[in-house]
Amino acid sequence: MNGIIIFCGLVILLWFGRSILIPLLVAIFLWYLINAIAAYFRKIMPFSYCEKKCPRFWHGFFNIVSILLSASSLMFLFYTFATQINPMFSEFVDRIPEIQNKMTTLGTYIFNSLGLKFDINMFPNLSDIVKTVGTSAANIATSVGMILIYILFLFVEQSTFHAKMNNLFESKSKTKKFGYIVESFDKNMKKYLFVKTFIAAATGIGAYIWLRTIGLEFAGVWAFLVFIMNYIPTIGSIVACTLPILYALISSDALHLPILTASGLIILEILFGNILDPKLMGKTLNLSTLAILINLVFWGGLWGIAGMFFSVPILAALFIITAQFDSTRWIAVLLSADGQIPDKTED
């Protein structure tokens, strides 16, 4: 009974604290992503050479350079989106009523051909979807200043994290356990975010090139959708493929455009999402697909699209933490994909 009360209290706290917690999670996400990309920059010469050969001063210097290169790469991507893709979004939003009417016409035609009655509620309401996405984006945009401050202080404080962690507990065993949890989460998240971002970017770029080649309108919009939705497990890939295919159906008088759109996007999702992603990711997280889906629905209902976006990192943290305590290891087993969970450090 106490557990249920604590859980309900936590959910209420997460709901009312979302205006503070979501910007903080965005900041942590960007901070992790910058560090993850910087780690790969440090593997490039002369970074990797100086790792063992150069004095300590050069280690710090190259750390700063790699972080600046990583942050610059992300800023370049944001700038590209703002200058190239954002105008396409504006035009797309203006044409939503026209697109919705075409969807209704297509649905009516298909259902009448099958002798069935068409219900307009069977098709997604694009205006509501755009409004929901726009609201989430606007909420994050209004918190940009807070997010940047969070990121700045995370970078300022990160050099002292290790020392603080060592002094956090009086017991050495507790310090070791906490250090193992933090190190496991840090290692897995950096790899997850780098690989996921690489896969999402590669899929998005491939989608843009393909859709521009076959002449589908708003190729930049659909490519950006593919990029973002690749961060959302399971449902993300379905939405990323369905919307442009549906648009190709209602905007073309012939079947070749929707067929080409569908075949190209599905091949890209299979190639990058089903073949390359598992090979690069390996057993980084080892999370159950069912657990991911349930977690996705829970956080989506609690925080909307932002919750869906952060659902996997949150689940990964829960998986790593519960694996370290005897009383909660059964939770980690249920969350795992194959029953294999991280080794527990000795108390």
Protein backbone atom coordinates (compact mmCIF):
# COMPACT_ATOMS: atom_id res chain seq x y z
CA MET A 1 0.00 0.00 0.00
CA ASN A 2 2.83 2.37 0.88
CA GLY A 3 4.46 1.63 -2.47
CA ILE A 4 1.29 2.59 -4.36
CA ILE A 5 1.02 5.85 -2.40
CA ILE A 6 4.67 6.69 -3.10
CA PHE A 7 4.23 5.89 -6.80
CA CYS A 8 1.10 8.06 -7.10
CA GLY A 9 2.86 10.89 -5.26
CA LEU A 10 5.84 10.61 -7.60
CA VAL A 11 3.59 10.73 -10.69
CA ILE A 12 1.83 13.84 -9.35
CA LEU A 13 5.22 15.44 -8.63
CA LEU A 14 6.45 14.65 -12.15
CA TRP A 15 3.26 16.09 -13.66
CA PHE A 16 3.32 19.38 -11.76
CA GLY A 17 7.10 19.70 -12.01
CA ARG A 18 7.29 19.11 -15.77
CA SER A 19 7.95 22.81 -16.54
CA ILE A 20 11.19 22.52 -14.55
CA LEU A 21 12.13 18.89 -15.19
CA ILE A 22 11.71 18.87 -19.00
CA PRO A 23 14.16 21.79 -19.61
CA LEU A 24 16.59 20.10 -17.20
CA LEU A 25 16.32 16.81 -19.12
CA VAL A 26 16.81 18.66 -22.43
CA ALA A 27 19.94 20.28 -21.00
CA ILE A 28 21.27 16.94 -19.72
CA PHE A 29 20.47 15.33 -23.08
CA LEU A 30 22.41 18.03 -24.99
CA TRP A 31 25.24 17.92 -22.46
CA TYR A 32 25.51 14.15 -22.83
CA LEU A 33 25.30 14.40 -26.62
CA ILE A 34 28.05 17.02 -26.78
CA ASN A 35 30.27 14.89 -24.53
CA ALA A 36 29.48 11.75 -26.55
CA ILE A 37 30.43 13.41 -29.84
CA ALA A 38 33.49 14.99 -28.18
CA ALA A 39 34.64 11.52 -27.05
CA TYR A 40 34.71 10.42 -30.68
CA PHE A 41 36.54 13.59 -31.72
CA ARG A 42 39.21 12.72 -29.15
CA LYS A 43 39.79 9.42 -30.92
CA ILE A 44 40.94 11.33 -34.00
CA MET A 45 44.64 12.17 -34.31
CA PRO A 46 46.33 13.90 -32.59
CA PHE A 47 43.83 13.39 -29.77
CA SER A 48 44.33 9.63 -29.47
CA TYR A 49 48.12 9.97 -29.80
CA CYS A 50 48.32 12.57 -27.04
CA GLU A 51 46.16 10.47 -24.73
CA LYS A 52 49.29 8.61 -23.58
CA LYS A 53 52.21 10.58 -24.97
CA CYS A 54 51.45 14.23 -24.19
CA PRO A 55 51.72 16.12 -20.87
CA ARG A 56 48.59 16.62 -18.76
CA PHE A 57 48.14 20.20 -20.02
CA TRP A 58 47.55 18.93 -23.56
CA HIS A 59 44.94 16.46 -22.33
CA GLY A 60 42.92 19.34 -20.92
CA PHE A 61 43.50 21.42 -24.02
CA PHE A 62 42.30 18.68 -26.36
CA ASN A 63 39.30 18.02 -24.12
CA ILE A 64 38.25 21.65 -24.50
CA VAL A 65 38.88 21.57 -28.26
CA SER A 66 36.88 18.37 -28.72
CA ILE A 67 33.95 19.81 -26.73
CA LEU A 68 34.05 23.02 -28.80
CA LEU A 69 34.11 20.99 -32.02
CA SER A 70 31.19 18.89 -30.80
CA ALA A 71 29.13 21.93 -29.76
CA SER A 72 29.94 23.64 -33.08
CA SER A 73 28.71 20.59 -35.00
CA LEU A 74 25.37 20.69 -33.18
CA MET A 75 25.08 24.45 -33.67
CA PHE A 76 25.69 23.97 -37.39
CA LEU A 77 22.86 21.42 -37.54
CA PHE A 78 20.50 23.78 -35.69
CA TYR A 79 21.50 26.64 -38.01
CA THR A 80 20.88 24.46 -41.07
CA PHE A 81 17.44 23.57 -39.77
CA ALA A 82 16.56 27.19 -39.00
CA THR A 83 17.62 28.48 -42.42
CA GLN A 84 16.71 25.59 -44.72
CA ILE A 85 13.94 23.46 -43.23
CA ASN A 86 12.01 25.94 -41.09
CA PRO A 87 10.57 27.81 -44.12
CA MET A 88 9.27 24.47 -45.45
CA PHE A 89 7.52 23.89 -42.12
CA SER A 90 5.81 27.28 -42.37
CA GLU A 91 4.54 26.49 -45.86
CA PHE A 92 3.45 23.02 -44.75
CA VAL A 93 1.46 24.42 -41.80
CA ASP A 94 -0.31 26.88 -44.12
CA ARG A 95 -1.44 24.00 -46.32
CA ILE A 96 -2.68 21.71 -43.54
CA PRO A 97 -6.42 22.41 -44.17
CA GLU A 98 -5.97 21.53 -47.84
CA ILE A 99 -4.07 18.35 -46.96
CA GLN A 100 -6.73 17.36 -44.41
CA ASN A 101 -9.48 17.78 -47.02
CA LYS A 102 -7.56 15.60 -49.49
CA MET A 103 -7.14 12.92 -46.82
CA THR A 104 -10.87 12.98 -46.14
CA THR A 105 -11.64 12.71 -49.87
CA LEU A 106 -9.25 9.78 -50.26
CA GLY A 107 -10.70 8.00 -47.22
CA THR A 108 -14.25 8.50 -48.46
CA TYR A 109 -13.34 7.12 -51.90
CA ILE A 110 -11.59 4.03 -50.50
CA PHE A 111 -14.35 3.17 -48.02
CA ASN A 112 -17.12 3.74 -50.59
CA SER A 113 -15.30 1.44 -53.01
CA LEU A 114 -15.32 -1.26 -50.33
CA GLY A 115 -18.98 -0.64 -49.50
CA LEU A 116 -18.14 0.67 -46.04
CA LYS A 117 -19.10 3.83 -44.22
CA PHE A 118 -16.27 6.32 -43.75
CA ASP A 119 -15.80 8.06 -40.42
CA ILE A 120 -13.65 11.19 -40.54
CA ASN A 121 -12.29 10.35 -37.07
CA MET A 122 -10.50 7.33 -38.56
CA PHE A 123 -7.86 9.64 -40.04
CA PRO A 124 -5.48 11.62 -37.82
CA ASN A 125 -6.30 15.29 -37.41
CA LEU A 126 -3.20 17.02 -38.71
CA SER A 127 -4.16 20.33 -37.15
CA ASP A 128 -4.30 18.73 -33.70
CA ILE A 129 -0.99 16.92 -34.27
CA VAL A 130 0.76 20.10 -35.40
CA LYS A 131 -0.77 22.00 -32.50
CA THR A 132 0.48 19.40 -30.00
CA VAL A 133 3.97 19.36 -31.52
CA GLY A 134 4.00 23.14 -31.74
CA THR A 135 2.99 23.48 -28.10
CA SER A 136 5.76 21.10 -26.99
CA ALA A 137 8.31 22.93 -29.16
CA ALA A 138 7.11 26.33 -27.91
CA ASN A 139 7.39 25.21 -24.28
CA ILE A 140 10.97 24.10 -24.88
CA ALA A 141 11.76 27.23 -26.91
CA THR A 142 10.59 29.51 -24.10
CA SER A 143 12.98 27.67 -21.79
CA VAL A 144 16.04 28.09 -24.03
CA GLY A 145 17.67 30.51 -21.59
CA MET A 146 17.17 28.10 -18.69
CA ILE A 147 18.45 25.18 -20.80
CA LEU A 148 21.61 27.08 -21.78
CA ILE A 149 22.27 28.00 -18.14
CA TYR A 150 21.83 24.35 -17.13
CA ILE A 151 24.25 23.23 -19.86
CA LEU A 152 26.83 25.88 -18.89
CA PHE A 153 26.80 24.83 -15.23
CA LEU A 154 26.93 21.15 -16.15
CA PHE A 155 30.14 21.76 -18.08
CA VAL A 156 31.54 23.95 -15.31
CA GLU A 157 30.74 21.31 -12.68
CA GLN A 158 31.63 18.17 -14.61
CA SER A 159 35.32 18.33 -13.67
CA THR A 160 34.33 18.06 -9.98
CA PHE A 161 31.79 15.24 -10.37
CA HIS A 162 34.32 12.52 -9.54
CA ALA A 163 35.56 14.25 -6.37
CA LYS A 164 32.01 14.95 -5.18
CA MET A 165 31.04 11.34 -5.82
CA ASN A 166 33.95 10.07 -3.71
CA ASN A 167 32.89 12.30 -0.81
CA LEU A 168 29.17 11.69 -1.10
CA PHE A 169 29.09 8.61 1.16
CA GLU A 170 31.05 7.75 4.28
CA SER A 171 31.10 4.06 3.43
CA LYS A 172 33.58 3.01 0.73
CA SER A 173 31.28 0.21 -0.40
CA LYS A 174 28.41 2.65 -0.96
CA THR A 175 30.75 5.03 -2.80
CA LYS A 176 31.93 2.15 -4.99
CA LYS A 177 28.36 1.04 -5.72
CA PHE A 178 27.20 4.57 -6.56
CA GLY A 179 30.29 5.11 -8.71
CA TYR A 180 29.59 1.89 -10.61
CA ILE A 181 25.98 2.94 -11.25
CA VAL A 182 27.02 6.39 -12.50
CA GLU A 183 29.84 4.97 -14.63
CA SER A 184 27.57 2.31 -16.18
CA PHE A 185 24.87 4.84 -16.98
CA ASP A 186 27.39 7.36 -18.32
CA LYS A 187 29.08 4.81 -20.57
CA ASN A 188 25.83 3.35 -21.92
CA MET A 189 24.13 6.71 -22.44
CA LYS A 190 27.06 8.24 -24.30
CA LYS A 191 27.19 5.30 -26.67
CA TYR A 192 23.39 5.20 -27.01
CA LEU A 193 23.07 8.92 -27.76
CA PHE A 194 25.97 8.97 -30.23
CA VAL A 195 24.80 5.87 -32.12
CA LYS A 196 21.14 6.92 -32.04
CA THR A 197 22.00 10.43 -33.29
CA PHE A 198 24.22 9.00 -36.04
CA ILE A 199 21.52 6.56 -37.14
CA ALA A 200 18.79 9.22 -36.99
CA ALA A 201 20.90 11.71 -38.96
CA ALA A 202 21.90 9.13 -41.57
CA THR A 203 18.28 8.00 -41.99
CA GLY A 204 17.06 11.61 -42.22
CA ILE A 205 19.68 12.58 -44.81
CA GLY A 206 18.94 9.44 -46.83
CA ALA A 207 15.20 10.20 -46.67
CA TYR A 208 15.77 13.78 -47.82
CA ILE A 209 17.90 12.72 -50.79
CA TRP A 210 15.41 10.03 -51.82
CA LEU A 211 12.29 12.18 -51.45
CA ARG A 212 13.89 15.08 -53.34
CA THR A 213 14.94 12.66 -56.09
CA ILE A 214 11.41 11.31 -56.59
CA GLY A 215 9.91 14.81 -56.35
CA LEU A 216 7.79 14.60 -53.18
CA GLU A 217 6.83 18.00 -51.77
CA PHE A 218 8.15 19.09 -48.36
CA ALA A 219 11.07 16.64 -48.50
CA GLY A 220 12.85 18.63 -45.78
CA VAL A 221 9.84 18.40 -43.46
CA TRP A 222 9.55 14.63 -43.89
CA ALA A 223 13.32 14.16 -43.50
CA PHE A 224 13.32 16.17 -40.26
CA LEU A 225 10.35 14.10 -39.07
CA VAL A 226 12.32 10.91 -39.82
CA PHE A 227 15.31 12.29 -37.89
CA ILE A 228 13.32 13.23 -34.77
CA MET A 229 11.10 10.15 -34.76
CA ASN A 230 14.12 7.84 -34.81
CA TYR A 231 14.72 8.83 -31.19
CA ILE A 232 11.28 7.50 -30.26
CA PRO A 233 11.34 3.67 -30.21
CA THR A 234 8.91 1.49 -32.16
CA ILE A 235 6.16 4.06 -32.78
CA GLY A 236 8.61 6.65 -34.10
CA SER A 237 9.62 4.70 -37.19
CA ILE A 238 5.98 3.88 -37.99
CA VAL A 239 4.94 7.54 -37.80
CA ALA A 240 8.03 8.67 -39.73
CA CYS A 241 7.09 6.39 -42.64
CA THR A 242 3.29 6.65 -42.51
CA LEU A 243 2.87 10.43 -42.77
CA PRO A 244 4.97 11.03 -45.93
CA ILE A 245 3.47 7.92 -47.58
CA LEU A 246 -0.02 9.17 -46.77
CA TYR A 247 0.87 12.61 -48.14
CA ALA A 248 2.21 11.02 -51.34
CA LEU A 249 -1.10 9.19 -51.74
CA ILE A 250 -3.24 12.31 -51.47
CA SER A 251 -0.96 14.60 -53.48
CA SER A 252 -0.36 12.38 -56.50
CA ASP A 253 -2.76 11.27 -59.22
CA ALA A 254 -0.67 8.18 -59.95
CA LEU A 255 0.49 5.33 -57.71
CA HIS A 256 4.17 5.47 -58.60
CA LEU A 257 4.94 8.34 -56.15
CA PRO A 258 3.46 6.69 -53.00
CA ILE A 259 5.02 3.35 -54.00
CA LEU A 260 8.45 4.94 -54.43
CA THR A 261 8.02 6.89 -51.19
CA ALA A 262 7.03 3.78 -49.24
CA SER A 263 9.74 1.55 -50.71
CA GLY A 264 12.50 4.11 -50.15
CA LEU A 265 11.58 4.97 -46.55
CA ILE A 266 10.97 1.35 -45.54
CA ILE A 267 14.32 0.27 -47.02
CA LEU A 268 16.08 3.09 -45.15
CA GLU A 269 14.40 2.17 -41.86
CA ILE A 270 15.30 -1.51 -42.33
CA LEU A 271 18.88 -0.72 -43.36
CA PHE A 272 19.66 1.78 -40.61
CA GLY A 273 17.14 0.90 -37.89
CA ASN A 274 17.00 -2.91 -38.13
CA ILE A 275 20.47 -3.82 -39.44
CA LEU A 276 23.00 -1.07 -38.70
CA ASP A 277 21.56 0.14 -35.38
CA PRO A 278 21.70 -3.28 -33.61
CA LYS A 279 25.23 -3.90 -34.94
CA LEU A 280 26.52 -0.55 -33.63
CA MET A 281 24.50 -0.62 -30.42
CA GLY A 282 25.14 -4.26 -29.55
CA LYS A 283 23.85 -4.95 -26.03
CA THR A 284 24.39 -1.40 -24.85
CA LEU A 285 20.99 -1.22 -23.16
CA ASN A 286 19.57 -4.76 -23.51
CA LEU A 287 16.03 -3.56 -22.75
CA SER A 288 12.84 -5.50 -23.40
CA THR A 289 10.78 -4.25 -26.36
CA LEU A 290 7.59 -4.62 -24.31
CA ALA A 291 9.12 -2.64 -21.43
CA ILE A 292 10.19 0.08 -23.87
CA LEU A 293 6.68 0.26 -25.34
CA ILE A 294 4.94 0.43 -21.94
CA ASN A 295 7.45 3.03 -20.77
CA LEU A 296 6.89 5.01 -23.97
CA VAL A 297 3.13 5.12 -23.39
CA PHE A 298 3.56 6.08 -19.73
CA TRP A 299 5.95 8.98 -20.32
CA GLY A 300 4.07 10.05 -23.43
CA GLY A 301 0.89 10.34 -21.38
CA LEU A 302 2.73 12.20 -18.61
CA TRP A 303 4.90 14.64 -20.57
CA GLY A 304 3.70 14.33 -24.16
CA ILE A 305 6.26 14.19 -26.98
CA ALA A 306 9.05 15.29 -24.64
CA GLY A 307 8.29 12.30 -22.43
CA MET A 308 8.37 9.92 -25.39
CA PHE A 309 11.70 11.40 -26.46
CA PHE A 310 13.30 10.78 -23.05
CA SER A 311 11.54 7.50 -22.29
CA VAL A 312 14.46 5.22 -23.23
CA PRO A 313 17.20 7.06 -21.26
CA ILE A 314 14.90 7.13 -18.21
CA LEU A 315 14.19 3.41 -18.56
CA ALA A 316 17.91 2.69 -18.99
CA ALA A 317 18.65 4.55 -15.74
CA LEU A 318 15.97 2.53 -13.93
CA PHE A 319 17.38 -0.71 -15.40
CA ILE A 320 20.96 0.04 -14.29
CA ILE A 321 19.95 1.20 -10.80
CA THR A 322 17.57 -1.67 -10.01
CA ALA A 323 20.21 -4.20 -11.08
CA GLN A 324 22.47 -3.07 -8.24
CA PHE A 325 20.22 -3.93 -5.30
CA ASP A 326 19.04 -7.39 -4.22
CA SER A 327 15.53 -6.16 -3.44
CA THR A 328 15.05 -4.70 -6.94
CA ARG A 329 17.06 -7.01 -9.21
CA TRP A 330 13.83 -8.76 -10.21
CA ILE A 331 12.70 -5.47 -11.77
CA ALA A 332 15.91 -5.30 -13.83
CA VAL A 333 15.33 -8.90 -15.00
CA LEU A 334 11.80 -8.00 -16.18
CA LEU A 335 13.08 -4.88 -17.95
CA SER A 336 15.89 -6.78 -19.73
CA ALA A 337 15.58 -8.20 -23.22
CA ASP A 338 17.01 -11.63 -22.41
CA GLY A 339 17.12 -11.86 -18.61
CA GLN A 340 20.80 -10.90 -18.52
CA ILE A 341 21.42 -7.92 -16.24
CA PRO A 342 24.57 -6.01 -15.18
CA ASP A 343 26.71 -7.58 -12.46
CA LYS A 344 26.09 -6.25 -8.97
CA THR A 345 29.03 -4.66 -7.19
CA GLU A 346 29.89 -6.11 -3.81
CA ASP A 347 28.40 -4.30 -0.81
